[in-house]
Amino acid sequence: MDALSLFGLFAVTAMLVAYALEDRSHWYILAFAGACGLGSVYGFLQGAWPFGLVEAIWAGVAARRWSIRRQ
């Protein structure tokens, strides 16, 4: 497994864990947004720009949810 695949595995695993823990704290929502950002970077680096674009949108949605939830 090359470094890019390991990076992608880390990003997707972080997304899963943060999503599962979102109800515990608004900080997990922010972690999910960050993990989606990493997933977006992974998508663009591997050449799957639709995946990268969708993950960037999810990162924005999650960041907005974090902003609303923390208030």
PDB file of N, CA and C in Angstrom:
ATOM      1  N   MET A   1       0.852  -1.173   0.000  1.00  0.00           N
ATOM      2  CA  MET A   1       0.000   0.000   0.000  1.00  0.00           C
ATOM      3  C   MET A   1       0.896   1.232   0.000  1.00  0.00           C
ATOM      4  N   ASP A   2       0.665   2.119  -0.946  1.00  0.00           N
ATOM      5  CA  ASP A   2       1.502   3.318  -1.052  1.00  0.00           C
ATOM      6  C   ASP A   2       1.023   4.415  -0.094  1.00  0.00           C
ATOM      7  N   ALA A   3       1.785   5.484  -0.017  1.00  0.00           N
ATOM      8  CA  ALA A   3       1.501   6.564   0.930  1.00  0.00           C
ATOM      9  C   ALA A   3       0.162   7.235   0.637  1.00  0.00           C
ATOM     10  N   LEU A   4      -0.178   7.400  -0.628  1.00  0.00           N
ATOM     11  CA  LEU A   4      -1.441   8.047  -0.979  1.00  0.00           C
ATOM     12  C   LEU A   4      -2.627   7.193  -0.521  1.00  0.00           C
ATOM     13  N   SER A   5      -2.537   5.894  -0.697  1.00  0.00           N
ATOM     14  CA  SER A   5      -3.612   5.004  -0.246  1.00  0.00           C
ATOM     15  C   SER A   5      -3.746   5.026   1.281  1.00  0.00           C
ATOM     16  N   LEU A   6      -2.622   5.061   1.982  1.00  0.00           N
ATOM     17  CA  LEU A   6      -2.664   5.160   3.443  1.00  0.00           C
ATOM     18  C   LEU A   6      -3.299   6.473   3.892  1.00  0.00           C
ATOM     19  N   PHE A   7      -2.978   7.553   3.193  1.00  0.00           N
ATOM     20  CA  PHE A   7      -3.580   8.849   3.492  1.00  0.00           C
ATOM     21  C   PHE A   7      -5.092   8.789   3.297  1.00  0.00           C
ATOM     22  N   GLY A   8      -5.539   8.185   2.203  1.00  0.00           N
ATOM     23  CA  GLY A   8      -6.964   8.042   1.940  1.00  0.00           C
ATOM     24  C   GLY A   8      -7.648   7.187   2.990  1.00  0.00           C
ATOM     25  N   LEU A   9      -7.009   6.103   3.393  1.00  0.00           N
ATOM     26  CA  LEU A   9      -7.560   5.244   4.433  1.00  0.00           C
ATOM     27  C   LEU A   9      -7.696   6.009   5.747  1.00  0.00           C
ATOM     28  N   PHE A  10      -6.683   6.788   6.082  1.00  0.00           N
ATOM     29  CA  PHE A  10      -6.749   7.604   7.297  1.00  0.00           C
ATOM     30  C   PHE A  10      -7.900   8.601   7.220  1.00  0.00           C
ATOM     31  N   ALA A  11      -8.040   9.296   6.089  1.00  0.00           N
ATOM     32  CA  ALA A  11      -9.081  10.309   5.937  1.00  0.00           C
ATOM     33  C   ALA A  11     -10.471   9.693   6.084  1.00  0.00           C
ATOM     34  N   VAL A  12     -10.707   8.589   5.419  1.00  0.00           N
ATOM     35  CA  VAL A  12     -12.029   7.959   5.461  1.00  0.00           C
ATOM     36  C   VAL A  12     -12.310   7.371   6.848  1.00  0.00           C
ATOM     37  N   THR A  13     -11.299   6.807   7.495  1.00  0.00           N
ATOM     38  CA  THR A  13     -11.479   6.282   8.846  1.00  0.00           C
ATOM     39  C   THR A  13     -11.785   7.407   9.826  1.00  0.00           C
ATOM     40  N   ALA A  14     -11.086   8.521   9.694  1.00  0.00           N
ATOM     41  CA  ALA A  14     -11.342   9.682  10.556  1.00  0.00           C
ATOM     42  C   ALA A  14     -12.755  10.208  10.337  1.00  0.00           C
ATOM     43  N   MET A  15     -13.214  10.220   9.085  1.00  0.00           N
ATOM     44  CA  MET A  15     -14.584  10.646   8.799  1.00  0.00           C
ATOM     45  C   MET A  15     -15.585   9.744   9.507  1.00  0.00           C
ATOM     46  N   LEU A  16     -15.395   8.451   9.421  1.00  0.00           N
ATOM     47  CA  LEU A  16     -16.306   7.491  10.027  1.00  0.00           C
ATOM     48  C   LEU A  16     -16.360   7.656  11.547  1.00  0.00           C
ATOM     49  N   VAL A  17     -15.203   7.742  12.170  1.00  0.00           N
ATOM     50  CA  VAL A  17     -15.143   7.865  13.628  1.00  0.00           C
ATOM     51  C   VAL A  17     -15.776   9.180  14.085  1.00  0.00           C
ATOM     52  N   ALA A  18     -15.423  10.280  13.434  1.00  0.00           N
ATOM     53  CA  ALA A  18     -15.975  11.580  13.820  1.00  0.00           C
ATOM     54  C   ALA A  18     -17.490  11.619  13.614  1.00  0.00           C
ATOM     55  N   TYR A  19     -17.958  11.042  12.524  1.00  0.00           N
ATOM     56  CA  TYR A  19     -19.397  11.018  12.264  1.00  0.00           C
ATOM     57  C   TYR A  19     -20.126  10.209  13.332  1.00  0.00           C
ATOM     58  N   ALA A  20     -19.556   9.097  13.737  1.00  0.00           N
ATOM     59  CA  ALA A  20     -20.182   8.252  14.752  1.00  0.00           C
ATOM     60  C   ALA A  20     -20.254   8.953  16.109  1.00  0.00           C
ATOM     61  N   LEU A  21     -19.337   9.874  16.374  1.00  0.00           N
ATOM     62  CA  LEU A  21     -19.274  10.547  17.673  1.00  0.00           C
ATOM     63  C   LEU A  21     -19.863  11.953  17.673  1.00  0.00           C
ATOM     64  N   GLU A  22     -20.482  12.380  16.573  1.00  0.00           N
ATOM     65  CA  GLU A  22     -20.977  13.754  16.456  1.00  0.00           C
ATOM     66  C   GLU A  22     -21.946  14.164  17.554  1.00  0.00           C
ATOM     67  N   ASP A  23     -22.759  13.254  18.054  1.00  0.00           N
ATOM     68  CA  ASP A  23     -23.745  13.607  19.078  1.00  0.00           C
ATOM     69  C   ASP A  23     -23.113  13.902  20.433  1.00  0.00           C
ATOM     70  N   ARG A  24     -21.878  13.506  20.625  1.00  0.00           N
ATOM     71  CA  ARG A  24     -21.218  13.706  21.916  1.00  0.00           C
ATOM     72  C   ARG A  24     -20.715  15.123  22.125  1.00  0.00           C
ATOM     73  N   SER A  25     -20.289  15.777  21.064  1.00  0.00           N
ATOM     74  CA  SER A  25     -19.739  17.127  21.193  1.00  0.00           C
ATOM     75  C   SER A  25     -19.701  17.799  19.827  1.00  0.00           C
ATOM     76  N   HIS A  26     -19.845  19.127  19.849  1.00  0.00           N
ATOM     77  CA  HIS A  26     -19.752  19.849  18.575  1.00  0.00           C
ATOM     78  C   HIS A  26     -18.337  19.793  17.998  1.00  0.00           C
ATOM     79  N   TRP A  27     -17.362  19.443  18.807  1.00  0.00           N
ATOM     80  CA  TRP A  27     -15.990  19.324  18.308  1.00  0.00           C
ATOM     81  C   TRP A  27     -15.830  18.149  17.347  1.00  0.00           C
ATOM     82  N   TYR A  28     -16.643  17.119  17.517  1.00  0.00           N
ATOM     83  CA  TYR A  28     -16.601  15.995  16.580  1.00  0.00           C
ATOM     84  C   TYR A  28     -17.166  16.386  15.219  1.00  0.00           C
ATOM     85  N   ILE A  29     -18.080  17.345  15.211  1.00  0.00           N
ATOM     86  CA  ILE A  29     -18.584  17.858  13.934  1.00  0.00           C
ATOM     87  C   ILE A  29     -17.463  18.587  13.208  1.00  0.00           C
ATOM     88  N   LEU A  30     -16.693  19.364  13.961  1.00  0.00           N
ATOM     89  CA  LEU A  30     -15.546  20.045  13.356  1.00  0.00           C
ATOM     90  C   LEU A  30     -14.505  19.034  12.874  1.00  0.00           C
ATOM     91  N   ALA A  31     -14.294  17.977  13.656  1.00  0.00           N
ATOM     92  CA  ALA A  31     -13.359  16.926  13.232  1.00  0.00           C
ATOM     93  C   ALA A  31     -13.853  16.254  11.955  1.00  0.00           C
ATOM     94  N   PHE A  32     -15.161  16.049  11.850  1.00  0.00           N
ATOM     95  CA  PHE A  32     -15.738  15.471  10.632  1.00  0.00           C
ATOM     96  C   PHE A  32     -15.497  16.395   9.443  1.00  0.00           C
ATOM     97  N   ALA A  33     -15.676  17.699   9.650  1.00  0.00           N
ATOM     98  CA  ALA A  33     -15.419  18.659   8.574  1.00  0.00           C
ATOM     99  C   ALA A  33     -13.956  18.594   8.132  1.00  0.00           C
ATOM    100  N   GLY A  34     -13.048  18.521   9.089  1.00  0.00           N
ATOM    101  CA  GLY A  34     -11.629  18.414   8.752  1.00  0.00           C
ATOM    102  C   GLY A  34     -11.305  17.123   8.019  1.00  0.00           C
ATOM    103  N   ALA A  35     -11.917  16.032   8.459  1.00  0.00           N
ATOM    104  CA  ALA A  35     -11.693  14.746   7.799  1.00  0.00           C
ATOM    105  C   ALA A  35     -12.253  14.758   6.379  1.00  0.00           C
ATOM    106  N   CYS A  36     -13.384  15.431   6.187  1.00  0.00           N
ATOM    107  CA  CYS A  36     -13.924  15.575   4.829  1.00  0.00           C
ATOM    108  C   CYS A  36     -12.970  16.387   3.962  1.00  0.00           C
ATOM    109  N   GLY A  37     -12.351  17.399   4.565  1.00  0.00           N
ATOM    110  CA  GLY A  37     -11.351  18.176   3.833  1.00  0.00           C
ATOM    111  C   GLY A  37     -10.173  17.311   3.418  1.00  0.00           C
ATOM    112  N   LEU A  38      -9.739  16.438   4.310  1.00  0.00           N
ATOM    113  CA  LEU A  38      -8.654  15.508   3.966  1.00  0.00           C
ATOM    114  C   LEU A  38      -9.093  14.548   2.866  1.00  0.00           C
ATOM    115  N   GLY A  39     -10.341  14.088   2.944  1.00  0.00           N
ATOM    116  CA  GLY A  39     -10.875  13.220   1.895  1.00  0.00           C
ATOM    117  C   GLY A  39     -10.923  13.931   0.551  1.00  0.00           C
ATOM    118  N   SER A  40     -11.227  15.212   0.581  1.00  0.00           N
ATOM    119  CA  SER A  40     -11.236  16.007  -0.647  1.00  0.00           C
ATOM    120  C   SER A  40      -9.839  16.100  -1.246  1.00  0.00           C
ATOM    121  N   VAL A  41      -8.865  16.372  -0.407  1.00  0.00           N
ATOM    122  CA  VAL A  41      -7.478  16.435  -0.872  1.00  0.00           C
ATOM    123  C   VAL A  41      -7.072  15.090  -1.483  1.00  0.00           C
ATOM    124  N   TYR A  42      -7.437  14.015  -0.805  1.00  0.00           N
ATOM    125  CA  TYR A  42      -7.130  12.683  -1.321  1.00  0.00           C
ATOM    126  C   TYR A  42      -7.768  12.467  -2.696  1.00  0.00           C
ATOM    127  N   GLY A  43      -9.026  12.832  -2.826  1.00  0.00           N
ATOM    128  CA  GLY A  43      -9.706  12.657  -4.110  1.00  0.00           C
ATOM    129  C   GLY A  43      -9.008  13.397  -5.236  1.00  0.00           C
ATOM    130  N   PHE A  44      -8.636  14.644  -4.993  1.00  0.00           N
ATOM    131  CA  PHE A  44      -7.946  15.411  -6.028  1.00  0.00           C
ATOM    132  C   PHE A  44      -6.558  14.846  -6.319  1.00  0.00           C
ATOM    133  N   LEU A  45      -5.849  14.406  -5.283  1.00  0.00           N
ATOM    134  CA  LEU A  45      -4.505  13.861  -5.496  1.00  0.00           C
ATOM    135  C   LEU A  45      -4.523  12.562  -6.297  1.00  0.00           C
ATOM    136  N   GLN A  46      -5.550  11.762  -6.110  1.00  0.00           N
ATOM    137  CA  GLN A  46      -5.599  10.498  -6.844  1.00  0.00           C
ATOM    138  C   GLN A  46      -6.217  10.658  -8.222  1.00  0.00           C
ATOM    139  N   GLY A  47      -6.724  11.850  -8.521  1.00  0.00           N
ATOM    140  CA  GLY A  47      -7.270  12.108  -9.844  1.00  0.00           C
ATOM    141  C   GLY A  47      -8.766  11.886  -9.963  1.00  0.00           C
ATOM    142  N   ALA A  48      -9.430  11.645  -8.836  1.00  0.00           N
ATOM    143  CA  ALA A  48     -10.875  11.460  -8.843  1.00  0.00           C
ATOM    144  C   ALA A  48     -11.528  12.773  -8.435  1.00  0.00           C
ATOM    145  N   TRP A  49     -11.520  13.744  -9.351  1.00  0.00           N
ATOM    146  CA  TRP A  49     -11.988  15.081  -8.996  1.00  0.00           C
ATOM    147  C   TRP A  49     -13.455  15.126  -8.578  1.00  0.00           C
ATOM    148  N   PRO A  50     -14.359  14.264  -9.097  1.00  0.00           N
ATOM    149  CA  PRO A  50     -15.738  14.320  -8.569  1.00  0.00           C
ATOM    150  C   PRO A  50     -15.797  13.975  -7.081  1.00  0.00           C
ATOM    151  N   PHE A  51     -15.023  12.984  -6.664  1.00  0.00           N
ATOM    152  CA  PHE A  51     -14.944  12.620  -5.251  1.00  0.00           C
ATOM    153  C   PHE A  51     -14.377  13.785  -4.450  1.00  0.00           C
ATOM    154  N   GLY A  52     -13.325  14.398  -4.952  1.00  0.00           N
ATOM    155  CA  GLY A  52     -12.719  15.533  -4.265  1.00  0.00           C
ATOM    156  C   GLY A  52     -13.678  16.694  -4.131  1.00  0.00           C
ATOM    157  N   LEU A  53     -14.449  16.940  -5.170  1.00  0.00           N
ATOM    158  CA  LEU A  53     -15.420  18.042  -5.144  1.00  0.00           C
ATOM    159  C   LEU A  53     -16.541  17.773  -4.143  1.00  0.00           C
ATOM    160  N   VAL A  54     -17.083  16.572  -4.152  1.00  0.00           N
ATOM    161  CA  VAL A  54     -18.166  16.226  -3.225  1.00  0.00           C
ATOM    162  C   VAL A  54     -17.678  16.277  -1.781  1.00  0.00           C
ATOM    163  N   GLU A  55     -16.494  15.797  -1.534  1.00  0.00           N
ATOM    164  CA  GLU A  55     -15.955  15.844  -0.173  1.00  0.00           C
ATOM    165  C   GLU A  55     -15.718  17.285   0.279  1.00  0.00           C
ATOM    166  N   ALA A  56     -15.318  18.158  -0.638  1.00  0.00           N
ATOM    167  CA  ALA A  56     -15.149  19.573  -0.289  1.00  0.00           C
ATOM    168  C   ALA A  56     -16.490  20.186   0.093  1.00  0.00           C
ATOM    169  N   ILE A  57     -17.536  19.820  -0.622  1.00  0.00           N
ATOM    170  CA  ILE A  57     -18.879  20.316  -0.294  1.00  0.00           C
ATOM    171  C   ILE A  57     -19.306  19.795   1.075  1.00  0.00           C
ATOM    172  N   TRP A  58     -19.069  18.498   1.344  1.00  0.00           N
ATOM    173  CA  TRP A  58     -19.402  17.935   2.653  1.00  0.00           C
ATOM    174  C   TRP A  58     -18.629  18.648   3.764  1.00  0.00           C
ATOM    175  N   ALA A  59     -17.386  18.999   3.499  1.00  0.00           N
ATOM    176  CA  ALA A  59     -16.600  19.730   4.501  1.00  0.00           C
ATOM    177  C   ALA A  59     -17.252  21.068   4.821  1.00  0.00           C
ATOM    178  N   GLY A  60     -17.724  21.755   3.790  1.00  0.00           N
ATOM    179  CA  GLY A  60     -18.411  23.027   4.000  1.00  0.00           C
ATOM    180  C   GLY A  60     -19.714  22.868   4.761  1.00  0.00           C
ATOM    181  N   VAL A  61     -20.494  21.850   4.426  1.00  0.00           N
ATOM    182  CA  VAL A  61     -21.750  21.580   5.126  1.00  0.00           C
ATOM    183  C   VAL A  61     -21.481  21.276   6.597  1.00  0.00           C
ATOM    184  N   ALA A  62     -20.488  20.446   6.862  1.00  0.00           N
ATOM    185  CA  ALA A  62     -20.164  20.094   8.245  1.00  0.00           C
ATOM    186  C   ALA A  62     -19.633  21.301   9.017  1.00  0.00           C
ATOM    187  N   ALA A  63     -18.840  22.133   8.379  1.00  0.00           N
ATOM    188  CA  ALA A  63     -18.329  23.336   9.050  1.00  0.00           C
ATOM    189  C   ALA A  63     -19.483  24.267   9.407  1.00  0.00           C
ATOM    190  N   ARG A  64     -20.454  24.373   8.539  1.00  0.00           N
ATOM    191  CA  ARG A  64     -21.640  25.196   8.831  1.00  0.00           C
ATOM    192  C   ARG A  64     -22.433  24.597   9.988  1.00  0.00           C
ATOM    193  N   ARG A  65     -22.597  23.276  10.001  1.00  0.00           N
ATOM    194  CA  ARG A  65     -23.298  22.620  11.097  1.00  0.00           C
ATOM    195  C   ARG A  65     -22.570  22.853  12.422  1.00  0.00           C
ATOM    196  N   TRP A  66     -21.247  22.797  12.377  1.00  0.00           N
ATOM    197  CA  TRP A  66     -20.448  23.049  13.591  1.00  0.00           C
ATOM    198  C   TRP A  66     -20.672  24.478  14.074  1.00  0.00           C
ATOM    199  N   SER A  67     -20.668  25.415  13.147  1.00  0.00           N
ATOM    200  CA  SER A  67     -20.855  26.817  13.500  1.00  0.00           C
ATOM    201  C   SER A  67     -22.208  27.054  14.160  1.00  0.00           C
ATOM    202  N   ILE A  68     -23.239  26.425  13.638  1.00  0.00           N
ATOM    203  CA  ILE A  68     -24.587  26.576  14.202  1.00  0.00           C
ATOM    204  C   ILE A  68     -24.671  25.868  15.552  1.00  0.00           C
ATOM    205  N   ARG A  69     -24.132  24.687  15.654  1.00  0.00           N
ATOM    206  CA  ARG A  69     -24.248  23.869  16.865  1.00  0.00           C
ATOM    207  C   ARG A  69     -23.476  24.459  18.048  1.00  0.00           C
ATOM    208  N   ARG A  70     -22.368  25.109  17.802  1.00  0.00           N
ATOM    209  CA  ARG A  70     -21.552  25.615  18.913  1.00  0.00           C
ATOM    210  C   ARG A  70     -22.177  26.844  19.567  1.00  0.00           C
ATOM    211  N   GLN A  71     -23.133  27.469  18.908  1.00  0.00           N
ATOM    212  CA  GLN A  71     -23.741  28.685  19.471  1.00  0.00           C
ATOM    213  C   GLN A  71     -24.819  28.382  20.474  1.00  0.00           C
TER     214      GLN A  71
END
